[in-house]
């Protein structure tokens, strides 16, 4: 199954090549795909909407106990 098939979007898949260059816009951490989300090791979560990653700080889900800067 390709990234496009996983996301349900035939156009722009979030595949391994894209994940190799994408980074969290706040922390610079690598992103890992988990279902229809991209996650950082520190717990930031970014949605994939219509096959496109939404990397907008402040709109991403965050680990409990962190603020918009990633600190407690």
C-alpha atoms as a PDB file:
ATOM      1  CA  UNK A   1       0.000   0.000   0.000  1.00  0.00           C
ATOM      2  CA  UNK A   2       1.356   3.428  -0.938  1.00  0.00           C
ATOM      3  CA  UNK A   3       1.167   6.601   1.112  1.00  0.00           C
ATOM      4  CA  UNK A   4      -1.542   7.887  -1.205  1.00  0.00           C
ATOM      5  CA  UNK A   5      -3.643   4.795  -0.583  1.00  0.00           C
ATOM      6  CA  UNK A   6      -3.183   5.061   3.199  1.00  0.00           C
ATOM      7  CA  UNK A   7      -4.318   8.676   3.247  1.00  0.00           C
ATOM      8  CA  UNK A   8      -7.228   8.078   0.873  1.00  0.00           C
ATOM      9  CA  UNK A   9      -5.887  10.800  -1.455  1.00  0.00           C
ATOM     10  CA  UNK A  10      -4.688   9.778  -4.924  1.00  0.00           C
ATOM     11  CA  UNK A  11      -2.661  12.983  -5.404  1.00  0.00           C
ATOM     12  CA  UNK A  12       0.069  13.851  -2.926  1.00  0.00           C
ATOM     13  CA  UNK A  13       1.121  11.042  -0.605  1.00  0.00           C
ATOM     14  CA  UNK A  14       3.123  11.611   2.552  1.00  0.00           C
ATOM     15  CA  UNK A  15       5.710   8.957   1.737  1.00  0.00           C
ATOM     16  CA  UNK A  16       9.129   8.014   3.117  1.00  0.00           C
ATOM     17  CA  UNK A  17      10.938  10.433   0.779  1.00  0.00           C
ATOM     18  CA  UNK A  18       8.861  13.367   2.034  1.00  0.00           C
ATOM     19  CA  UNK A  19       9.188  12.305   5.676  1.00  0.00           C
ATOM     20  CA  UNK A  20      12.975  12.233   5.254  1.00  0.00           C
ATOM     21  CA  UNK A  21      13.025  16.010   4.697  1.00  0.00           C
ATOM     22  CA  UNK A  22      10.048  17.246   6.755  1.00  0.00           C
ATOM     23  CA  UNK A  23      10.738  18.572  10.258  1.00  0.00           C
ATOM     24  CA  UNK A  24       8.588  19.986  13.041  1.00  0.00           C
ATOM     25  CA  UNK A  25       8.418  23.754  12.454  1.00  0.00           C
ATOM     26  CA  UNK A  26       8.733  24.425  16.199  1.00  0.00           C
ATOM     27  CA  UNK A  27      11.356  21.954  17.434  1.00  0.00           C
ATOM     28  CA  UNK A  28      13.086  20.808  14.255  1.00  0.00           C
ATOM     29  CA  UNK A  29      12.450  17.173  15.209  1.00  0.00           C
ATOM     30  CA  UNK A  30      11.859  14.448  12.653  1.00  0.00           C
ATOM     31  CA  UNK A  31       8.246  13.526  11.975  1.00  0.00           C
ATOM     32  CA  UNK A  32       6.865   9.990  11.999  1.00  0.00           C
ATOM     33  CA  UNK A  33       3.596   9.016  10.360  1.00  0.00           C
ATOM     34  CA  UNK A  34       1.039   7.411  12.653  1.00  0.00           C
ATOM     35  CA  UNK A  35      -2.234   6.877  10.805  1.00  0.00           C
ATOM     36  CA  UNK A  36      -3.442  10.236   9.504  1.00  0.00           C
ATOM     37  CA  UNK A  37      -1.036  12.249  11.671  1.00  0.00           C
ATOM     38  CA  UNK A  38       2.619  13.183  11.817  1.00  0.00           C
ATOM     39  CA  UNK A  39       4.188  13.015  15.293  1.00  0.00           C
ATOM     40  CA  UNK A  40       7.418  14.110  16.917  1.00  0.00           C
ATOM     41  CA  UNK A  41       9.287  12.218  19.625  1.00  0.00           C
ATOM     42  CA  UNK A  42       8.353  14.987  22.099  1.00  0.00           C
ATOM     43  CA  UNK A  43       4.645  14.526  21.419  1.00  0.00           C
ATOM     44  CA  UNK A  44       3.677  17.213  18.932  1.00  0.00           C
ATOM     45  CA  UNK A  45       1.019  16.019  16.494  1.00  0.00           C
ATOM     46  CA  UNK A  46       0.273  17.451  13.047  1.00  0.00           C
ATOM     47  CA  UNK A  47      -2.723  16.270  10.992  1.00  0.00           C
ATOM     48  CA  UNK A  48      -2.634  15.057   7.418  1.00  0.00           C
ATOM     49  CA  UNK A  49      -5.635  16.608   5.648  1.00  0.00           C
ATOM     50  CA  UNK A  50      -6.562  15.446   2.149  1.00  0.00           C
ATOM     51  CA  UNK A  51      -3.107  13.896   1.809  1.00  0.00           C
ATOM     52  CA  UNK A  52      -1.228  17.066   2.828  1.00  0.00           C
ATOM     53  CA  UNK A  53       0.612  17.553   6.124  1.00  0.00           C
ATOM     54  CA  UNK A  54      -0.589  20.630   8.031  1.00  0.00           C
ATOM     55  CA  UNK A  55       2.520  21.926   9.803  1.00  0.00           C
ATOM     56  CA  UNK A  56       1.094  25.080  11.355  1.00  0.00           C
ATOM     57  CA  UNK A  57       2.435  25.760  14.862  1.00  0.00           C
ATOM     58  CA  UNK A  58      -0.344  26.412  17.332  1.00  0.00           C
ATOM     59  CA  UNK A  59      -2.834  24.352  15.356  1.00  0.00           C
ATOM     60  CA  UNK A  60      -1.045  21.095  16.020  1.00  0.00           C
ATOM     61  CA  UNK A  61      -2.019  18.867  18.895  1.00  0.00           C
ATOM     62  CA  UNK A  62       0.607  18.905  21.608  1.00  0.00           C
ATOM     63  CA  UNK A  63       1.734  16.593  24.324  1.00  0.00           C
ATOM     64  CA  UNK A  64       0.164  17.285  27.671  1.00  0.00           C
ATOM     65  CA  UNK A  65       2.103  19.749  29.764  1.00  0.00           C
ATOM     66  CA  UNK A  66       3.674  21.675  26.868  1.00  0.00           C
ATOM     67  CA  UNK A  67       2.892  25.133  25.643  1.00  0.00           C
ATOM     68  CA  UNK A  68       3.243  26.514  22.101  1.00  0.00           C
ATOM     69  CA  UNK A  69       7.023  26.767  22.506  1.00  0.00           C
ATOM     70  CA  UNK A  70       7.346  23.125  23.519  1.00  0.00           C
ATOM     71  CA  UNK A  71       8.278  23.863  27.109  1.00  0.00           C
ATOM     72  CA  UNK A  72       6.431  22.991  30.303  1.00  0.00           C
END
